[in-house]
Amino acid sequence: MKLWINKTKTPTHLIVKLHAEEHSSYEYIGDLDTDKLKKFLQELQKDMDVDKNIKLLNYYGYLHLFIKED
């Protein structure tokens, strides 16, 4: 799946927006297969339900994540 990403970092959290379609303000991160996508999502947040989020990304074509910084 070809993916584009936009990250917004604040002192308390990180907002990550992934899209399967090109967006002008988003950075292309590559054509990721399922294993690479799982690894990428696990690096963002260790306790994330990766399989659920991949299903949402496949269904909707985008995924917005709100990750709390410790």
PDB file of N, CA and C in Angstrom:
ATOM      1  N   MET A   1       0.838  -1.165   0.000  1.00  0.00           N
ATOM      2  CA  MET A   1       0.000   0.000   0.000  1.00  0.00           C
ATOM      3  C   MET A   1       0.893   1.242   0.000  1.00  0.00           C
ATOM      4  N   LYS A   2       0.661   2.136  -0.934  1.00  0.00           N
ATOM      5  CA  LYS A   2       1.392   3.399  -0.978  1.00  0.00           C
ATOM      6  C   LYS A   2       0.806   4.322   0.080  1.00  0.00           C
ATOM      7  N   LEU A   3       1.692   4.928   0.886  1.00  0.00           N
ATOM      8  CA  LEU A   3       1.223   5.764   1.988  1.00  0.00           C
ATOM      9  C   LEU A   3       1.920   7.108   2.031  1.00  0.00           C
ATOM     10  N   TRP A   4       1.150   8.098   2.455  1.00  0.00           N
ATOM     11  CA  TRP A   4       1.641   9.451   2.713  1.00  0.00           C
ATOM     12  C   TRP A   4       1.380   9.752   4.171  1.00  0.00           C
ATOM     13  N   ILE A   5       2.267  10.542   4.780  1.00  0.00           N
ATOM     14  CA  ILE A   5       2.169  10.803   6.214  1.00  0.00           C
ATOM     15  C   ILE A   5       2.292  12.296   6.515  1.00  0.00           C
ATOM     16  N   ASN A   6       1.610  12.699   7.580  1.00  0.00           N
ATOM     17  CA  ASN A   6       1.738  14.042   8.126  1.00  0.00           C
ATOM     18  C   ASN A   6       1.813  13.883   9.635  1.00  0.00           C
ATOM     19  N   LYS A   7       2.866  14.426  10.235  1.00  0.00           N
ATOM     20  CA  LYS A   7       3.046  14.337  11.687  1.00  0.00           C
ATOM     21  C   LYS A   7       3.005  15.723  12.297  1.00  0.00           C
ATOM     22  N   THR A   8       2.302  15.841  13.412  1.00  0.00           N
ATOM     23  CA  THR A   8       2.265  17.072  14.187  1.00  0.00           C
ATOM     24  C   THR A   8       2.653  16.705  15.611  1.00  0.00           C
ATOM     25  N   LYS A   9       3.729  17.309  16.107  1.00  0.00           N
ATOM     26  CA  LYS A   9       4.232  16.987  17.441  1.00  0.00           C
ATOM     27  C   LYS A   9       4.038  18.182  18.361  1.00  0.00           C
ATOM     28  N   THR A  10       3.526  17.893  19.562  1.00  0.00           N
ATOM     29  CA  THR A  10       3.395  18.885  20.614  1.00  0.00           C
ATOM     30  C   THR A  10       4.147  18.351  21.832  1.00  0.00           C
ATOM     31  N   PRO A  11       4.265  19.119  22.881  1.00  0.00           N
ATOM     32  CA  PRO A  11       4.957  18.614  24.080  1.00  0.00           C
ATOM     33  C   PRO A  11       4.285  17.394  24.718  1.00  0.00           C
ATOM     34  N   THR A  12       2.983  17.216  24.512  1.00  0.00           N
ATOM     35  CA  THR A  12       2.264  16.133  25.189  1.00  0.00           C
ATOM     36  C   THR A  12       1.804  14.992  24.284  1.00  0.00           C
ATOM     37  N   HIS A  13       1.739  15.209  22.972  1.00  0.00           N
ATOM     38  CA  HIS A  13       1.234  14.160  22.100  1.00  0.00           C
ATOM     39  C   HIS A  13       1.767  14.296  20.673  1.00  0.00           C
ATOM     40  N   LEU A  14       1.503  13.272  19.903  1.00  0.00           N
ATOM     41  CA  LEU A  14       1.874  13.226  18.495  1.00  0.00           C
ATOM     42  C   LEU A  14       0.635  12.855  17.700  1.00  0.00           C
ATOM     43  N   ILE A  15       0.321  13.624  16.686  1.00  0.00           N
ATOM     44  CA  ILE A  15      -0.787  13.308  15.788  1.00  0.00           C
ATOM     45  C   ILE A  15      -0.182  12.831  14.478  1.00  0.00           C
ATOM     46  N   VAL A  16      -0.540  11.622  14.085  1.00  0.00           N
ATOM     47  CA  VAL A  16      -0.025  11.026  12.855  1.00  0.00           C
ATOM     48  C   VAL A  16      -1.213  10.770  11.937  1.00  0.00           C
ATOM     49  N   LYS A  17      -1.140  11.310  10.728  1.00  0.00           N
ATOM     50  CA  LYS A  17      -2.191  11.105   9.734  1.00  0.00           C
ATOM     51  C   LYS A  17      -1.594  10.333   8.569  1.00  0.00           C
ATOM     52  N   LEU A  18      -2.154   9.170   8.300  1.00  0.00           N
ATOM     53  CA  LEU A  18      -1.727   8.338   7.176  1.00  0.00           C
ATOM     54  C   LEU A  18      -2.826   8.335   6.124  1.00  0.00           C
ATOM     55  N   HIS A  19      -2.441   8.482   4.864  1.00  0.00           N
ATOM     56  CA  HIS A  19      -3.402   8.461   3.761  1.00  0.00           C
ATOM     57  C   HIS A  19      -2.889   7.582   2.645  1.00  0.00           C
ATOM     58  N   ALA A  20      -3.806   6.872   2.002  1.00  0.00           N
ATOM     59  CA  ALA A  20      -3.462   6.000   0.880  1.00  0.00           C
ATOM     60  C   ALA A  20      -3.510   6.752  -0.448  1.00  0.00           C
ATOM     61  N   GLU A  21      -3.866   8.024  -0.413  1.00  0.00           N
ATOM     62  CA  GLU A  21      -3.877   8.864  -1.607  1.00  0.00           C
ATOM     63  C   GLU A  21      -2.930  10.033  -1.388  1.00  0.00           C
ATOM     64  N   GLU A  22      -2.366  10.519  -2.471  1.00  0.00           N
ATOM     65  CA  GLU A  22      -1.398  11.613  -2.376  1.00  0.00           C
ATOM     66  C   GLU A  22      -2.073  12.900  -1.908  1.00  0.00           C
ATOM     67  N   HIS A  23      -1.408  13.567  -0.979  1.00  0.00           N
ATOM     68  CA  HIS A  23      -1.842  14.873  -0.487  1.00  0.00           C
ATOM     69  C   HIS A  23      -0.645  15.810  -0.574  1.00  0.00           C
ATOM     70  N   SER A  24      -0.883  17.056  -0.947  1.00  0.00           N
ATOM     71  CA  SER A  24       0.222  17.989  -1.200  1.00  0.00           C
ATOM     72  C   SER A  24       1.052  18.296   0.040  1.00  0.00           C
ATOM     73  N   SER A  25       0.442  18.338   1.221  1.00  0.00           N
ATOM     74  CA  SER A  25       1.190  18.689   2.431  1.00  0.00           C
ATOM     75  C   SER A  25       1.720  17.454   3.159  1.00  0.00           C
ATOM     76  N   TYR A  26       1.544  16.288   2.586  1.00  0.00           N
ATOM     77  CA  TYR A  26       1.967  15.048   3.216  1.00  0.00           C
ATOM     78  C   TYR A  26       3.236  14.530   2.549  1.00  0.00           C
ATOM     79  N   GLU A  27       4.033  13.795   3.323  1.00  0.00           N
ATOM     80  CA  GLU A  27       5.292  13.231   2.841  1.00  0.00           C
ATOM     81  C   GLU A  27       5.063  11.769   2.449  1.00  0.00           C
ATOM     82  N   TYR A  28       5.562  11.385   1.291  1.00  0.00           N
ATOM     83  CA  TYR A  28       5.441  10.001   0.824  1.00  0.00           C
ATOM     84  C   TYR A  28       6.399   9.127   1.624  1.00  0.00           C
ATOM     85  N   ILE A  29       5.890   8.054   2.244  1.00  0.00           N
ATOM     86  CA  ILE A  29       6.769   7.180   3.030  1.00  0.00           C
ATOM     87  C   ILE A  29       7.052   5.862   2.327  1.00  0.00           C
ATOM     88  N   GLY A  30       6.376   5.588   1.232  1.00  0.00           N
ATOM     89  CA  GLY A  30       6.699   4.403   0.452  1.00  0.00           C
ATOM     90  C   GLY A  30       5.528   3.467   0.234  1.00  0.00           C
ATOM     91  N   ASP A  31       5.836   2.397  -0.482  1.00  0.00           N
ATOM     92  CA  ASP A  31       4.871   1.349  -0.773  1.00  0.00           C
ATOM     93  C   ASP A  31       5.128   0.225   0.225  1.00  0.00           C
ATOM     94  N   LEU A  32       4.359   0.201   1.309  1.00  0.00           N
ATOM     95  CA  LEU A  32       4.598  -0.727   2.411  1.00  0.00           C
ATOM     96  C   LEU A  32       3.705  -1.957   2.296  1.00  0.00           C
ATOM     97  N   ASP A  33       4.317  -3.133   2.416  1.00  0.00           N
ATOM     98  CA  ASP A  33       3.511  -4.344   2.511  1.00  0.00           C
ATOM     99  C   ASP A  33       3.012  -4.468   3.954  1.00  0.00           C
ATOM    100  N   THR A  34       2.232  -5.478   4.237  1.00  0.00           N
ATOM    101  CA  THR A  34       1.620  -5.614   5.560  1.00  0.00           C
ATOM    102  C   THR A  34       2.650  -5.724   6.673  1.00  0.00           C
ATOM    103  N   ASP A  35       3.718  -6.496   6.446  1.00  0.00           N
ATOM    104  CA  ASP A  35       4.739  -6.660   7.491  1.00  0.00           C
ATOM    105  C   ASP A  35       5.462  -5.353   7.790  1.00  0.00           C
ATOM    106  N   LYS A  36       5.809  -4.597   6.756  1.00  0.00           N
ATOM    107  CA  LYS A  36       6.483  -3.312   6.957  1.00  0.00           C
ATOM    108  C   LYS A  36       5.549  -2.314   7.639  1.00  0.00           C
ATOM    109  N   LEU A  37       4.272  -2.354   7.275  1.00  0.00           N
ATOM    110  CA  LEU A  37       3.294  -1.456   7.892  1.00  0.00           C
ATOM    111  C   LEU A  37       3.116  -1.795   9.371  1.00  0.00           C
ATOM    112  N   LYS A  38       3.062  -3.084   9.705  1.00  0.00           N
ATOM    113  CA  LYS A  38       2.960  -3.495  11.105  1.00  0.00           C
ATOM    114  C   LYS A  38       4.154  -2.992  11.907  1.00  0.00           C
ATOM    115  N   LYS A  39       5.340  -3.149  11.349  1.00  0.00           N
ATOM    116  CA  LYS A  39       6.558  -2.695  12.024  1.00  0.00           C
ATOM    117  C   LYS A  39       6.533  -1.181  12.224  1.00  0.00           C
ATOM    118  N   PHE A  40       6.126  -0.445  11.191  1.00  0.00           N
ATOM    119  CA  PHE A  40       6.049   1.014  11.264  1.00  0.00           C
ATOM    120  C   PHE A  40       5.088   1.457  12.367  1.00  0.00           C
ATOM    121  N   LEU A  41       3.903   0.848  12.439  1.00  0.00           N
ATOM    122  CA  LEU A  41       2.918   1.225  13.448  1.00  0.00           C
ATOM    123  C   LEU A  41       3.389   0.863  14.855  1.00  0.00           C
ATOM    124  N   GLN A  42       4.071  -0.275  15.010  1.00  0.00           N
ATOM    125  CA  GLN A  42       4.602  -0.670  16.317  1.00  0.00           C
ATOM    126  C   GLN A  42       5.671   0.297  16.795  1.00  0.00           C
ATOM    127  N   GLU A  43       6.441   0.867  15.867  1.00  0.00           N
ATOM    128  CA  GLU A  43       7.453   1.851  16.239  1.00  0.00           C
ATOM    129  C   GLU A  43       6.802   3.144  16.736  1.00  0.00           C
ATOM    130  N   LEU A  44       5.629   3.471  16.219  1.00  0.00           N
ATOM    131  CA  LEU A  44       4.929   4.672  16.671  1.00  0.00           C
ATOM    132  C   LEU A  44       4.413   4.517  18.094  1.00  0.00           C
ATOM    133  N   GLN A  45       3.838   3.331  18.378  1.00  0.00           N
ATOM    134  CA  GLN A  45       3.282   3.076  19.713  1.00  0.00           C
ATOM    135  C   GLN A  45       3.312   1.573  19.965  1.00  0.00           C
ATOM    136  N   LYS A  46       4.007   1.180  21.016  1.00  0.00           N
ATOM    137  CA  LYS A  46       4.230  -0.244  21.315  1.00  0.00           C
ATOM    138  C   LYS A  46       2.942  -1.020  21.594  1.00  0.00           C
ATOM    139  N   ASP A  47       1.980  -0.422  22.302  1.00  0.00           N
ATOM    140  CA  ASP A  47       0.771  -1.146  22.694  1.00  0.00           C
ATOM    141  C   ASP A  47      -0.408  -0.938  21.746  1.00  0.00           C
ATOM    142  N   MET A  48      -0.154  -0.507  20.534  1.00  0.00           N
ATOM    143  CA  MET A  48      -1.195  -0.254  19.548  1.00  0.00           C
ATOM    144  C   MET A  48      -1.790  -1.573  19.033  1.00  0.00           C
ATOM    145  N   ASP A  49      -3.089  -1.571  18.772  1.00  0.00           N
ATOM    146  CA  ASP A  49      -3.744  -2.712  18.138  1.00  0.00           C
ATOM    147  C   ASP A  49      -3.485  -2.593  16.628  1.00  0.00           C
ATOM    148  N   VAL A  50      -2.371  -3.144  16.211  1.00  0.00           N
ATOM    149  CA  VAL A  50      -1.886  -2.975  14.837  1.00  0.00           C
ATOM    150  C   VAL A  50      -2.848  -3.566  13.818  1.00  0.00           C
ATOM    151  N   ASP A  51      -3.333  -4.764  14.056  1.00  0.00           N
ATOM    152  CA  ASP A  51      -4.227  -5.411  13.091  1.00  0.00           C
ATOM    153  C   ASP A  51      -5.510  -4.610  12.877  1.00  0.00           C
ATOM    154  N   LYS A  52      -6.086  -4.095  13.951  1.00  0.00           N
ATOM    155  CA  LYS A  52      -7.300  -3.276  13.853  1.00  0.00           C
ATOM    156  C   LYS A  52      -7.039  -2.013  13.032  1.00  0.00           C
ATOM    157  N   ASN A  53      -5.904  -1.355  13.297  1.00  0.00           N
ATOM    158  CA  ASN A  53      -5.594  -0.113  12.587  1.00  0.00           C
ATOM    159  C   ASN A  53      -5.276  -0.359  11.113  1.00  0.00           C
ATOM    160  N   ILE A  54      -4.679  -1.479  10.787  1.00  0.00           N
ATOM    161  CA  ILE A  54      -4.436  -1.811   9.378  1.00  0.00           C
ATOM    162  C   ILE A  54      -5.758  -2.058   8.663  1.00  0.00           C
ATOM    163  N   LYS A  55      -6.703  -2.732   9.325  1.00  0.00           N
ATOM    164  CA  LYS A  55      -8.026  -2.950   8.729  1.00  0.00           C
ATOM    165  C   LYS A  55      -8.731  -1.622   8.478  1.00  0.00           C
ATOM    166  N   LEU A  56      -8.649  -0.701   9.446  1.00  0.00           N
ATOM    167  CA  LEU A  56      -9.262   0.621   9.272  1.00  0.00           C
ATOM    168  C   LEU A  56      -8.620   1.384   8.121  1.00  0.00           C
ATOM    169  N   LEU A  57      -7.305   1.323   8.030  1.00  0.00           N
ATOM    170  CA  LEU A  57      -6.589   1.993   6.946  1.00  0.00           C
ATOM    171  C   LEU A  57      -6.985   1.418   5.592  1.00  0.00           C
ATOM    172  N   ASN A  58      -7.085   0.102   5.501  1.00  0.00           N
ATOM    173  CA  ASN A  58      -7.489  -0.536   4.245  1.00  0.00           C
ATOM    174  C   ASN A  58      -8.922  -0.183   3.868  1.00  0.00           C
ATOM    175  N   TYR A  59      -9.815  -0.125   4.845  1.00  0.00           N
ATOM    176  CA  TYR A  59     -11.223   0.148   4.584  1.00  0.00           C
ATOM    177  C   TYR A  59     -11.470   1.606   4.197  1.00  0.00           C
ATOM    178  N   TYR A  60     -10.950   2.535   4.992  1.00  0.00           N
ATOM    179  CA  TYR A  60     -11.229   3.955   4.773  1.00  0.00           C
ATOM    180  C   TYR A  60     -10.230   4.651   3.858  1.00  0.00           C
ATOM    181  N   GLY A  61      -9.019   4.123   3.770  1.00  0.00           N
ATOM    182  CA  GLY A  61      -7.998   4.768   2.949  1.00  0.00           C
ATOM    183  C   GLY A  61      -7.210   5.821   3.703  1.00  0.00           C
ATOM    184  N   TYR A  62      -7.520   6.000   4.975  1.00  0.00           N
ATOM    185  CA  TYR A  62      -6.764   6.916   5.821  1.00  0.00           C
ATOM    186  C   TYR A  62      -6.853   6.457   7.268  1.00  0.00           C
ATOM    187  N   LEU A  63      -5.915   6.927   8.077  1.00  0.00           N
ATOM    188  CA  LEU A  63      -5.891   6.589   9.490  1.00  0.00           C
ATOM    189  C   LEU A  63      -5.278   7.751  10.238  1.00  0.00           C
ATOM    190  N   HIS A  64      -5.989   8.264  11.230  1.00  0.00           N
ATOM    191  CA  HIS A  64      -5.490   9.339  12.071  1.00  0.00           C
ATOM    192  C   HIS A  64      -5.233   8.781  13.456  1.00  0.00           C
ATOM    193  N   LEU A  65      -4.022   8.968  13.950  1.00  0.00           N
ATOM    194  CA  LEU A  65      -3.623   8.433  15.256  1.00  0.00           C
ATOM    195  C   LEU A  65      -3.259   9.571  16.199  1.00  0.00           C
ATOM    196  N   PHE A  66      -3.736   9.477  17.430  1.00  0.00           N
ATOM    197  CA  PHE A  66      -3.405  10.419  18.487  1.00  0.00           C
ATOM    198  C   PHE A  66      -2.582   9.640  19.501  1.00  0.00           C
ATOM    199  N   ILE A  67      -1.303   9.939  19.572  1.00  0.00           N
ATOM    200  CA  ILE A  67      -0.384   9.168  20.415  1.00  0.00           C
ATOM    201  C   ILE A  67       0.095  10.061  21.555  1.00  0.00           C
ATOM    202  N   LYS A  68      -0.204   9.639  22.776  1.00  0.00           N
ATOM    203  CA  LYS A  68       0.195  10.382  23.967  1.00  0.00           C
ATOM    204  C   LYS A  68       1.651  10.121  24.254  1.00  0.00           C
ATOM    205  N   GLU A  69       2.407  11.188  24.464  1.00  0.00           N
ATOM    206  CA  GLU A  69       3.825  11.071  24.805  1.00  0.00           C
ATOM    207  C   GLU A  69       3.957  10.848  26.295  1.00  0.00           C
ATOM    208  N   ASP A  70       4.846   9.937  26.698  1.00  0.00           N
ATOM    209  CA  ASP A  70       5.066   9.654  28.119  1.00  0.00           C
ATOM    210  C   ASP A  70       6.104  10.575  28.703  1.00  0.00           C
TER     211      ASP A  70
END
